[in-house]
PDB file of all heavy atoms in Angstrom:
ATOM      1  N   PHE A   1      30.360  59.174  21.349  1.00  0.00           N
ATOM      2  CA  PHE A   1      31.632  59.105  22.061  1.00  0.00           C
ATOM      3  C   PHE A   1      32.763  59.698  21.215  1.00  0.00           C
ATOM      4  O   PHE A   1      32.931  59.345  20.049  1.00  0.00           O
ATOM      5  CB  PHE A   1      31.956  57.647  22.401  1.00  0.00           C
ATOM      6  CG  PHE A   1      33.163  57.477  23.280  1.00  0.00           C
ATOM      7  CD1 PHE A   1      33.052  57.564  24.654  1.00  0.00           C
ATOM      8  CD2 PHE A   1      34.417  57.226  22.731  1.00  0.00           C
ATOM      9  CE1 PHE A   1      34.154  57.396  25.471  1.00  0.00           C
ATOM     10  CE2 PHE A   1      35.525  57.061  23.537  1.00  0.00           C
ATOM     11  CZ  PHE A   1      35.394  57.144  24.919  1.00  0.00           C
ATOM     12  N   GLU A   2      33.526  60.622  21.818  1.00  0.00           N
ATOM     13  CA  GLU A   2      34.669  61.246  21.154  1.00  0.00           C
ATOM     14  C   GLU A   2      35.924  60.965  21.976  1.00  0.00           C
ATOM     15  O   GLU A   2      36.035  61.402  23.117  1.00  0.00           O
ATOM     16  CB  GLU A   2      34.458  62.758  21.010  1.00  0.00           C
ATOM     17  CG  GLU A   2      33.273  63.116  20.122  1.00  0.00           C
ATOM     18  CD  GLU A   2      33.090  64.622  19.982  1.00  0.00           C
ATOM     19  OE1 GLU A   2      34.063  65.354  20.277  1.00  0.00           O
ATOM     20  OE2 GLU A   2      31.996  65.037  19.592  1.00  0.00           O
ATOM     21  N   PHE A   3      36.851  60.241  21.370  1.00  0.00           N
ATOM     22  CA  PHE A   3      38.046  59.808  22.092  1.00  0.00           C
ATOM     23  C   PHE A   3      38.882  60.989  22.607  1.00  0.00           C
ATOM     24  O   PHE A   3      39.394  60.925  23.726  1.00  0.00           O
ATOM     25  CB  PHE A   3      38.892  58.896  21.207  1.00  0.00           C
ATOM     26  CG  PHE A   3      39.858  58.044  21.976  1.00  0.00           C
ATOM     27  CD1 PHE A   3      39.412  57.054  22.827  1.00  0.00           C
ATOM     28  CD2 PHE A   3      41.228  58.272  21.869  1.00  0.00           C
ATOM     29  CE1 PHE A   3      40.307  56.282  23.561  1.00  0.00           C
ATOM     30  CE2 PHE A   3      42.126  57.513  22.595  1.00  0.00           C
ATOM     31  CZ  PHE A   3      41.670  56.513  23.440  1.00  0.00           C
ATOM     32  N   PRO A   4      39.060  62.071  21.841  1.00  0.00           N
ATOM     33  CA  PRO A   4      39.825  63.215  22.367  1.00  0.00           C
ATOM     34  C   PRO A   4      39.214  63.811  23.641  1.00  0.00           C
ATOM     35  O   PRO A   4      39.940  64.216  24.553  1.00  0.00           O
ATOM     36  CB  PRO A   4      39.788  64.222  21.209  1.00  0.00           C
ATOM     37  CG  PRO A   4      39.614  63.388  19.989  1.00  0.00           C
ATOM     38  CD  PRO A   4      38.717  62.274  20.415  1.00  0.00           C
ATOM     39  N   VAL A   5      37.889  63.878  23.691  1.00  0.00           N
ATOM     40  CA  VAL A   5      37.220  64.382  24.896  1.00  0.00           C
ATOM     41  C   VAL A   5      37.475  63.445  26.070  1.00  0.00           C
ATOM     42  O   VAL A   5      37.757  63.882  27.197  1.00  0.00           O
ATOM     43  CB  VAL A   5      35.702  64.537  24.651  1.00  0.00           C
ATOM     44  CG1 VAL A   5      34.983  64.980  25.934  1.00  0.00           C
ATOM     45  CG2 VAL A   5      35.435  65.519  23.523  1.00  0.00           C
ATOM     46  N   PHE A   6      37.407  62.147  25.792  1.00  0.00           N
ATOM     47  CA  PHE A   6      37.645  61.147  26.839  1.00  0.00           C
ATOM     48  C   PHE A   6      39.069  61.250  27.381  1.00  0.00           C
ATOM     49  O   PHE A   6      39.290  61.186  28.590  1.00  0.00           O
ATOM     50  CB  PHE A   6      37.386  59.745  26.296  1.00  0.00           C
ATOM     51  CG  PHE A   6      37.593  58.654  27.306  1.00  0.00           C
ATOM     52  CD1 PHE A   6      36.649  58.428  28.295  1.00  0.00           C
ATOM     53  CD2 PHE A   6      38.737  57.858  27.274  1.00  0.00           C
ATOM     54  CE1 PHE A   6      36.845  57.418  29.244  1.00  0.00           C
ATOM     55  CE2 PHE A   6      38.935  56.860  28.206  1.00  0.00           C
ATOM     56  CZ  PHE A   6      37.991  56.639  29.204  1.00  0.00           C
ATOM     57  N   LEU A   7      40.034  61.412  26.481  1.00  0.00           N
ATOM     58  CA  LEU A   7      41.431  61.539  26.906  1.00  0.00           C
ATOM     59  C   LEU A   7      41.630  62.768  27.783  1.00  0.00           C
ATOM     60  O   LEU A   7      42.398  62.749  28.739  1.00  0.00           O
ATOM     61  CB  LEU A   7      42.351  61.607  25.682  1.00  0.00           C
ATOM     62  CG  LEU A   7      42.599  60.292  24.931  1.00  0.00           C
ATOM     63  CD1 LEU A   7      43.496  60.526  23.726  1.00  0.00           C
ATOM     64  CD2 LEU A   7      43.209  59.239  25.863  1.00  0.00           C
ATOM     65  N   LYS A   8      40.921  63.845  27.462  1.00  0.00           N
ATOM     66  CA  LYS A   8      41.016  65.068  28.263  1.00  0.00           C
ATOM     67  C   LYS A   8      40.466  64.847  29.669  1.00  0.00           C
ATOM     68  O   LYS A   8      40.940  65.445  30.638  1.00  0.00           O
ATOM     69  CB  LYS A   8      40.253  66.189  27.559  1.00  0.00           C
ATOM     70  CG  LYS A   8      40.438  67.552  28.213  1.00  0.00           C
ATOM     71  CD  LYS A   8      39.720  68.644  27.424  1.00  0.00           C
ATOM     72  CE  LYS A   8      39.913  70.003  28.103  1.00  0.00           C
ATOM     73  NZ  LYS A   8      39.214  71.083  27.352  1.00  0.00           N
ATOM     74  N   ASN A   9      39.449  63.995  29.754  1.00  0.00           N
ATOM     75  CA  ASN A   9      38.828  63.706  31.052  1.00  0.00           C
ATOM     76  C   ASN A   9      39.493  62.550  31.794  1.00  0.00           C
ATOM     77  O   ASN A   9      39.104  62.239  32.922  1.00  0.00           O
ATOM     78  CB  ASN A   9      37.350  63.355  30.861  1.00  0.00           C
ATOM     79  CG  ASN A   9      36.515  64.548  30.445  1.00  0.00           C
ATOM     80  OD1 ASN A   9      36.758  65.660  30.885  1.00  0.00           O
ATOM     81  ND2 ASN A   9      35.519  64.312  29.594  1.00  0.00           N
ATOM     82  N   LEU A  10      40.483  61.903  31.157  1.00  0.00           N
ATOM     83  CA  LEU A  10      41.015  60.652  31.705  1.00  0.00           C
ATOM     84  C   LEU A  10      41.709  60.858  33.049  1.00  0.00           C
ATOM     85  O   LEU A  10      41.461  60.141  34.013  1.00  0.00           O
ATOM     86  CB  LEU A  10      41.988  60.025  30.698  1.00  0.00           C
ATOM     87  CG  LEU A  10      42.463  58.607  31.017  1.00  0.00           C
ATOM     88  CD1 LEU A  10      41.281  57.657  31.137  1.00  0.00           C
ATOM     89  CD2 LEU A  10      43.445  58.116  29.940  1.00  0.00           C
ATOM     90  N   TRP A  11      42.618  61.838  33.123  1.00  0.00           N
ATOM     91  CA  TRP A  11      43.314  62.122  34.380  1.00  0.00           C
ATOM     92  C   TRP A  11      43.229  63.612  34.660  1.00  0.00           C
ATOM     93  O   TRP A  11      43.736  64.418  33.900  1.00  0.00           O
ATOM     94  CB  TRP A  11      44.797  61.714  34.302  1.00  0.00           C
ATOM     95  CG  TRP A  11      45.007  60.299  33.884  1.00  0.00           C
ATOM     96  CD1 TRP A  11      45.597  59.864  32.740  1.00  0.00           C
ATOM     97  CD2 TRP A  11      44.634  59.122  34.607  1.00  0.00           C
ATOM     98  NE1 TRP A  11      45.612  58.499  32.696  1.00  0.00           N
ATOM     99  CE2 TRP A  11      45.033  58.003  33.836  1.00  0.00           C
ATOM    100  CE3 TRP A  11      44.000  58.895  35.837  1.00  0.00           C
ATOM    101  CZ2 TRP A  11      44.829  56.697  34.233  1.00  0.00           C
ATOM    102  CZ3 TRP A  11      43.788  57.587  36.244  1.00  0.00           C
ATOM    103  CH2 TRP A  11      44.198  56.508  35.449  1.00  0.00           C
ATOM    104  N   GLN A  12      42.570  63.953  35.731  1.00  0.00           N
ATOM    105  CA  GLN A  12      42.442  65.351  36.112  1.00  0.00           C
ATOM    106  C   GLN A  12      42.612  65.495  37.608  1.00  0.00           C
ATOM    107  O   GLN A  12      42.225  64.608  38.376  1.00  0.00           O
ATOM    108  CB  GLN A  12      41.077  65.923  35.702  1.00  0.00           C
ATOM    109  CG  GLN A  12      40.907  66.091  34.196  1.00  0.00           C
ATOM    110  CD  GLN A  12      39.553  66.685  33.857  1.00  0.00           C
ATOM    111  OE1 GLN A  12      38.577  66.439  34.544  1.00  0.00           O
ATOM    112  NE2 GLN A  12      39.507  67.464  32.804  1.00  0.00           N
ATOM    113  N   ILE A  13      43.181  66.627  38.021  1.00  0.00           N
ATOM    114  CA  ILE A  13      43.332  66.886  39.448  1.00  0.00           C
ATOM    115  C   ILE A  13      42.064  67.529  39.981  1.00  0.00           C
ATOM    116  O   ILE A  13      41.113  67.758  39.243  1.00  0.00           O
ATOM    117  CB  ILE A  13      44.583  67.770  39.719  1.00  0.00           C
ATOM    118  CG1 ILE A  13      44.507  69.077  38.912  1.00  0.00           C
ATOM    119  CG2 ILE A  13      45.841  67.019  39.362  1.00  0.00           C
ATOM    120  CD1 ILE A  13      45.680  70.001  39.160  1.00  0.00           C
ATOM    121  N   GLY A  14      42.045  67.854  41.258  1.00  0.00           N
ATOM    122  CA  GLY A  14      40.812  68.233  41.943  1.00  0.00           C
ATOM    123  C   GLY A  14      40.065  69.416  41.368  1.00  0.00           C
ATOM    124  O   GLY A  14      38.856  69.510  41.501  1.00  0.00           O
ATOM    125  N   ASP A  15      40.766  70.373  40.707  1.00  0.00           N
ATOM    126  CA  ASP A  15      40.078  71.563  40.212  1.00  0.00           C
ATOM    127  C   ASP A  15      39.618  71.419  38.767  1.00  0.00           C
ATOM    128  O   ASP A  15      39.358  72.398  38.089  1.00  0.00           O
ATOM    129  CB  ASP A  15      40.973  72.802  40.356  1.00  0.00           C
ATOM    130  CG  ASP A  15      42.273  72.664  39.559  1.00  0.00           C
ATOM    131  OD1 ASP A  15      42.468  71.604  38.949  1.00  0.00           O
ATOM    132  OD2 ASP A  15      43.076  73.622  39.564  1.00  0.00           O
ATOM    133  N   PHE A  16      39.556  70.187  38.264  1.00  0.00           N
ATOM    134  CA  PHE A  16      39.079  69.859  36.923  1.00  0.00           C
ATOM    135  C   PHE A  16      40.062  70.272  35.820  1.00  0.00           C
ATOM    136  O   PHE A  16      39.741  70.185  34.643  1.00  0.00           O
ATOM    137  CB  PHE A  16      37.715  70.507  36.612  1.00  0.00           C
ATOM    138  CG  PHE A  16      36.647  70.068  37.561  1.00  0.00           C
ATOM    139  CD1 PHE A  16      36.249  70.889  38.597  1.00  0.00           C
ATOM    140  CD2 PHE A  16      36.042  68.838  37.426  1.00  0.00           C
ATOM    141  CE1 PHE A  16      35.260  70.487  39.477  1.00  0.00           C
ATOM    142  CE2 PHE A  16      35.055  68.431  38.305  1.00  0.00           C
ATOM    143  CZ  PHE A  16      34.674  69.252  39.328  1.00  0.00           C
ATOM    144  N   SER A  17      41.265  70.713  36.181  1.00  0.00           N
ATOM    145  CA  SER A  17      42.254  71.029  35.155  1.00  0.00           C
ATOM    146  C   SER A  17      43.018  69.773  34.764  1.00  0.00           C
ATOM    147  O   SER A  17      43.063  68.808  35.525  1.00  0.00           O
ATOM    148  CB  SER A  17      43.235  72.085  35.672  1.00  0.00           C
ATOM    149  OG  SER A  17      43.913  71.615  36.819  1.00  0.00           O
ATOM    150  N   ASN A  18      43.602  69.779  33.577  1.00  0.00           N
ATOM    151  CA  ASN A  18      44.341  68.616  33.112  1.00  0.00           C
ATOM    152  C   ASN A  18      45.613  68.444  33.928  1.00  0.00           C
ATOM    153  O   ASN A  18      46.239  69.399  34.364  1.00  0.00           O
ATOM    154  CB  ASN A  18      44.709  68.774  31.636  1.00  0.00           C
ATOM    155  CG  ASN A  18      43.476  68.757  30.760  1.00  0.00           C
ATOM    156  OD1 ASN A  18      42.531  68.054  31.053  1.00  0.00           O
ATOM    157  ND2 ASN A  18      43.484  69.546  29.701  1.00  0.00           N
ATOM    158  N   GLY A  19      45.996  67.223  34.107  1.00  0.00           N
ATOM    159  CA  GLY A  19      47.216  66.948  34.841  1.00  0.00           C
ATOM    160  C   GLY A  19      47.677  65.532  34.616  1.00  0.00           C
ATOM    161  O   GLY A  19      46.941  64.706  34.085  1.00  0.00           O
ATOM    162  N   LYS A  20      48.904  65.252  35.001  1.00  0.00           N
ATOM    163  CA  LYS A  20      49.434  63.910  34.868  1.00  0.00           C
ATOM    164  C   LYS A  20      48.833  63.027  35.950  1.00  0.00           C
ATOM    165  O   LYS A  20      48.399  63.490  36.995  1.00  0.00           O
ATOM    166  CB  LYS A  20      50.957  63.946  34.994  1.00  0.00           C
ATOM    167  CG  LYS A  20      51.650  64.674  33.850  1.00  0.00           C
ATOM    168  CD  LYS A  20      53.158  64.623  34.023  1.00  0.00           C
ATOM    169  CE  LYS A  20      53.850  65.342  32.866  1.00  0.00           C
ATOM    170  NZ  LYS A  20      55.327  65.320  33.021  1.00  0.00           N
ATOM    171  N   ALA A  21      48.826  61.741  35.661  1.00  0.00           N
ATOM    172  CA  ALA A  21      48.282  60.798  36.623  1.00  0.00           C
ATOM    173  C   ALA A  21      49.157  60.774  37.876  1.00  0.00           C
ATOM    174  O   ALA A  21      50.279  60.282  37.856  1.00  0.00           O
ATOM    175  CB  ALA A  21      48.211  59.402  35.998  1.00  0.00           C
ATOM    176  N   ASN A  22      48.668  61.354  38.947  1.00  0.00           N
ATOM    177  CA  ASN A  22      49.376  61.402  40.217  1.00  0.00           C
ATOM    178  C   ASN A  22      48.792  60.333  41.129  1.00  0.00           C
ATOM    179  O   ASN A  22      47.592  60.311  41.382  1.00  0.00           O
ATOM    180  CB  ASN A  22      49.214  62.790  40.838  1.00  0.00           C
ATOM    181  CG  ASN A  22      49.911  62.927  42.167  1.00  0.00           C
ATOM    182  OD1 ASN A  22      49.526  62.305  43.153  1.00  0.00           O
ATOM    183  ND2 ASN A  22      50.959  63.744  42.189  1.00  0.00           N
ATOM    184  N   LEU A  23      49.651  59.444  41.631  1.00  0.00           N
ATOM    185  CA  LEU A  23      49.176  58.290  42.382  1.00  0.00           C
ATOM    186  C   LEU A  23      48.348  58.695  43.591  1.00  0.00           C
ATOM    187  O   LEU A  23      47.291  58.122  43.848  1.00  0.00           O
ATOM    188  CB  LEU A  23      50.368  57.433  42.813  1.00  0.00           C
ATOM    189  CG  LEU A  23      50.022  56.123  43.538  1.00  0.00           C
ATOM    190  CD1 LEU A  23      49.173  55.236  42.629  1.00  0.00           C
ATOM    191  CD2 LEU A  23      51.298  55.402  43.957  1.00  0.00           C
ATOM    192  N   PHE A  24      48.804  59.712  44.318  1.00  0.00           N
ATOM    193  CA  PHE A  24      48.083  60.137  45.518  1.00  0.00           C
ATOM    194  C   PHE A  24      46.705  60.709  45.167  1.00  0.00           C
ATOM    195  O   PHE A  24      45.692  60.352  45.770  1.00  0.00           O
ATOM    196  CB  PHE A  24      48.891  61.181  46.285  1.00  0.00           C
ATOM    197  CG  PHE A  24      48.138  61.788  47.433  1.00  0.00           C
ATOM    198  CD1 PHE A  24      47.941  61.086  48.607  1.00  0.00           C
ATOM    199  CD2 PHE A  24      47.593  63.073  47.321  1.00  0.00           C
ATOM    200  CE1 PHE A  24      47.224  61.647  49.663  1.00  0.00           C
ATOM    201  CE2 PHE A  24      46.888  63.636  48.366  1.00  0.00           C
ATOM    202  CZ  PHE A  24      46.704  62.925  49.545  1.00  0.00           C
ATOM    203  N   LEU A  25      46.682  61.594  44.161  1.00  0.00           N
ATOM    204  CA  LEU A  25      45.426  62.232  43.783  1.00  0.00           C
ATOM    205  C   LEU A  25      44.446  61.223  43.193  1.00  0.00           C
ATOM    206  O   LEU A  25      43.249  61.271  43.472  1.00  0.00           O
ATOM    207  CB  LEU A  25      45.694  63.359  42.781  1.00  0.00           C
ATOM    208  CG  LEU A  25      46.434  64.583  43.330  1.00  0.00           C
ATOM    209  CD1 LEU A  25      46.773  65.542  42.199  1.00  0.00           C
ATOM    210  CD2 LEU A  25      45.593  65.287  44.380  1.00  0.00           C
ATOM    211  N   ILE A  26      44.958  60.305  42.372  1.00  0.00           N
ATOM    212  CA  ILE A  26      44.085  59.301  41.770  1.00  0.00           C
ATOM    213  C   ILE A  26      43.522  58.361  42.841  1.00  0.00           C
ATOM    214  O   ILE A  26      42.336  58.014  42.822  1.00  0.00           O
ATOM    215  CB  ILE A  26      44.833  58.499  40.689  1.00  0.00           C
ATOM    216  CG1 ILE A  26      45.218  59.412  39.523  1.00  0.00           C
ATOM    217  CG2 ILE A  26      43.971  57.340  40.181  1.00  0.00           C
ATOM    218  CD1 ILE A  26      44.059  60.139  38.877  1.00  0.00           C
ATOM    219  N   SER A  27      44.357  57.955  43.793  1.00  0.00           N
ATOM    220  CA  SER A  27      43.875  57.082  44.868  1.00  0.00           C
ATOM    221  C   SER A  27      42.814  57.783  45.708  1.00  0.00           C
ATOM    222  O   SER A  27      41.844  57.165  46.159  1.00  0.00           O
ATOM    223  CB  SER A  27      45.042  56.638  45.758  1.00  0.00           C
ATOM    224  OG  SER A  27      45.652  57.753  46.383  1.00  0.00           O
ATOM    225  N   LYS A  28      42.975  59.100  45.887  1.00  0.00           N
ATOM    226  CA  LYS A  28      41.965  59.874  46.620  1.00  0.00           C
ATOM    227  C   LYS A  28      40.655  59.917  45.847  1.00  0.00           C
ATOM    228  O   LYS A  28      39.573  59.794  46.431  1.00  0.00           O
ATOM    229  CB  LYS A  28      42.491  61.286  46.865  1.00  0.00           C
ATOM    230  CG  LYS A  28      41.569  62.148  47.716  1.00  0.00           C
ATOM    231  CD  LYS A  28      42.160  63.530  47.952  1.00  0.00           C
ATOM    232  CE  LYS A  28      41.223  64.394  48.800  1.00  0.00           C
ATOM    233  NZ  LYS A  28      41.781  65.751  49.039  1.00  0.00           N
ATOM    234  N   GLN A  29      40.748  60.081  44.521  1.00  0.00           N
ATOM    235  CA  GLN A  29      39.545  60.087  43.688  1.00  0.00           C
ATOM    236  C   GLN A  29      38.845  58.728  43.718  1.00  0.00           C
ATOM    237  O   GLN A  29      37.618  58.655  43.814  1.00  0.00           O
ATOM    238  CB  GLN A  29      39.906  60.463  42.250  1.00  0.00           C
ATOM    239  CG  GLN A  29      40.287  61.912  42.067  1.00  0.00           C
ATOM    240  CD  GLN A  29      40.570  62.261  40.616  1.00  0.00           C
ATOM    241  OE1 GLN A  29      40.560  61.398  39.739  1.00  0.00           O
ATOM    242  NE2 GLN A  29      40.827  63.538  40.344  1.00  0.00           N
ATOM    243  N   VAL A  30      39.631  57.663  43.647  1.00  0.00           N
ATOM    244  CA  VAL A  30      39.056  56.313  43.706  1.00  0.00           C
ATOM    245  C   VAL A  30      38.328  56.111  45.027  1.00  0.00           C
ATOM    246  O   VAL A  30      37.206  55.592  45.075  1.00  0.00           O
ATOM    247  CB  VAL A  30      40.154  55.238  43.518  1.00  0.00           C
ATOM    248  CG1 VAL A  30      39.584  53.844  43.774  1.00  0.00           C
ATOM    249  CG2 VAL A  30      40.737  55.306  42.115  1.00  0.00           C
ATOM    250  N   LYS A  31      38.933  56.551  46.112  1.00  0.00           N
ATOM    251  CA  LYS A  31      38.311  56.434  47.433  1.00  0.00           C
ATOM    252  C   LYS A  31      36.983  57.186  47.489  1.00  0.00           C
ATOM    253  O   LYS A  31      35.980  56.677  48.010  1.00  0.00           O
ATOM    254  CB  LYS A  31      39.260  56.979  48.492  1.00  0.00           C
ATOM    255  CG  LYS A  31      38.752  56.832  49.925  1.00  0.00           C
ATOM    256  CD  LYS A  31      39.481  57.727  50.893  1.00  0.00           C
ATOM    257  CE  LYS A  31      38.916  59.140  50.845  1.00  0.00           C
ATOM    258  NZ  LYS A  31      39.409  59.991  51.960  1.00  0.00           N
ATOM    259  N   ASN A  32      36.979  58.389  46.911  1.00  0.00           N
ATOM    260  CA  ASN A  32      35.784  59.231  46.989  1.00  0.00           C
ATOM    261  C   ASN A  32      34.609  58.710  46.164  1.00  0.00           C
ATOM    262  O   ASN A  32      33.466  59.108  46.409  1.00  0.00           O
ATOM    263  CB  ASN A  32      36.122  60.654  46.544  1.00  0.00           C
ATOM    264  CG  ASN A  32      37.001  61.382  47.543  1.00  0.00           C
ATOM    265  OD1 ASN A  32      37.034  61.027  48.720  1.00  0.00           O
ATOM    266  ND2 ASN A  32      37.735  62.376  47.080  1.00  0.00           N
ATOM    267  N   CYS A  33      34.869  57.870  45.171  1.00  0.00           N
ATOM    268  CA  CYS A  33      33.757  57.366  44.356  1.00  0.00           C
ATOM    269  C   CYS A  33      33.296  55.972  44.773  1.00  0.00           C
ATOM    270  O   CYS A  33      32.321  55.450  44.232  1.00  0.00           O
ATOM    271  CB  CYS A  33      34.121  57.379  42.864  1.00  0.00           C
ATOM    272  SG  CYS A  33      35.428  56.255  42.373  1.00  0.00           S
ATOM    273  N   MET A  34      33.955  55.371  45.776  1.00  0.00           N
ATOM    274  CA  MET A  34      33.628  53.992  46.154  1.00  0.00           C
ATOM    275  C   MET A  34      32.223  53.843  46.720  1.00  0.00           C
ATOM    276  O   MET A  34      31.509  52.896  46.398  1.00  0.00           O
ATOM    277  CB  MET A  34      34.665  53.451  47.138  1.00  0.00           C
ATOM    278  CG  MET A  34      35.939  52.957  46.477  1.00  0.00           C
ATOM    279  SD  MET A  34      36.919  51.900  47.549  1.00  0.00           S
ATOM    280  CE  MET A  34      37.287  53.014  48.890  1.00  0.00           C
ATOM    281  N   LEU A  35      31.827  54.761  47.610  1.00  0.00           N
ATOM    282  CA  LEU A  35      30.518  54.617  48.245  1.00  0.00           C
ATOM    283  C   LEU A  35      29.399  54.701  47.215  1.00  0.00           C
ATOM    284  O   LEU A  35      28.406  53.959  47.291  1.00  0.00           O
ATOM    285  CB  LEU A  35      30.332  55.697  49.321  1.00  0.00           C
ATOM    286  CG  LEU A  35      29.268  55.410  50.387  1.00  0.00           C
ATOM    287  CD1 LEU A  35      29.633  54.173  51.181  1.00  0.00           C
ATOM    288  CD2 LEU A  35      29.112  56.603  51.323  1.00  0.00           C
ATOM    289  N   THR A  36      29.554  55.588  46.234  1.00  0.00           N
ATOM    290  CA  THR A  36      28.567  55.697  45.158  1.00  0.00           C
ATOM    291  C   THR A  36      28.493  54.396  44.368  1.00  0.00           C
ATOM    292  O   THR A  36      27.402  53.933  44.001  1.00  0.00           O
ATOM    293  CB  THR A  36      28.936  56.857  44.212  1.00  0.00           C
ATOM    294  OG1 THR A  36      28.959  58.077  44.954  1.00  0.00           O
ATOM    295  CG2 THR A  36      27.920  56.987  43.087  1.00  0.00           C
ATOM    296  N   MET A  37      29.644  53.796  44.094  1.00  0.00           N
ATOM    297  CA  MET A  37      29.682  52.555  43.318  1.00  0.00           C
ATOM    298  C   MET A  37      29.089  51.381  44.092  1.00  0.00           C
ATOM    299  O   MET A  37      28.382  50.543  43.524  1.00  0.00           O
ATOM    300  CB  MET A  37      31.124  52.249  42.898  1.00  0.00           C
ATOM    301  CG  MET A  37      31.683  53.223  41.879  1.00  0.00           C
ATOM    302  SD  MET A  37      33.393  52.845  41.456  1.00  0.00           S
ATOM    303  CE  MET A  37      33.671  54.008  40.107  1.00  0.00           C
ATOM    304  N   VAL A  38      29.386  51.311  45.377  1.00  0.00           N
ATOM    305  CA  VAL A  38      28.815  50.231  46.190  1.00  0.00           C
ATOM    306  C   VAL A  38      27.298  50.395  46.292  1.00  0.00           C
ATOM    307  O   VAL A  38      26.545  49.410  46.280  1.00  0.00           O
ATOM    308  CB  VAL A  38      29.458  50.214  47.594  1.00  0.00           C
ATOM    309  CG1 VAL A  38      28.762  49.197  48.496  1.00  0.00           C
ATOM    310  CG2 VAL A  38      30.950  49.876  47.493  1.00  0.00           C
ATOM    311  N   TRP A  39      26.832  51.662  46.365  1.00  0.00           N
ATOM    312  CA  TRP A  39      25.394  51.940  46.458  1.00  0.00           C
ATOM    313  C   TRP A  39      24.616  51.302  45.317  1.00  0.00           C
ATOM    314  O   TRP A  39      23.539  50.729  45.531  1.00  0.00           O
ATOM    315  CB  TRP A  39      25.176  53.446  46.502  1.00  0.00           C
ATOM    316  CG  TRP A  39      23.885  53.970  45.934  1.00  0.00           C
ATOM    317  CD1 TRP A  39      23.731  54.713  44.808  1.00  0.00           C
ATOM    318  CD2 TRP A  39      22.560  53.821  46.462  1.00  0.00           C
ATOM    319  NE1 TRP A  39      22.417  55.042  44.599  1.00  0.00           N
ATOM    320  CE2 TRP A  39      21.666  54.498  45.608  1.00  0.00           C
ATOM    321  CE3 TRP A  39      22.030  53.177  47.585  1.00  0.00           C
ATOM    322  CZ2 TRP A  39      20.299  54.547  45.828  1.00  0.00           C
ATOM    323  CZ3 TRP A  39      20.659  53.226  47.806  1.00  0.00           C
ATOM    324  CH2 TRP A  39      19.814  53.902  46.943  1.00  0.00           C
ATOM    325  N   VAL A  40      25.137  51.388  44.094  1.00  0.00           N
ATOM    326  CA  VAL A  40      24.364  50.889  42.956  1.00  0.00           C
ATOM    327  C   VAL A  40      24.316  49.361  42.919  1.00  0.00           C
ATOM    328  O   VAL A  40      23.544  48.782  42.142  1.00  0.00           O
ATOM    329  CB  VAL A  40      24.898  51.435  41.608  1.00  0.00           C
ATOM    330  CG1 VAL A  40      24.707  52.934  41.527  1.00  0.00           C
ATOM    331  CG2 VAL A  40      26.353  51.060  41.383  1.00  0.00           C
TER     332      VAL A  40
END
């Protein structure tokens, strides 16, 4: 585990580029991963 790599991956917009934590985009990402999480 490398913390700098994790920080780079922490908040990203849809095209995998770095970006600030945007409430709308983050909520959309959370929504999109819910079914996978419930599946397990």
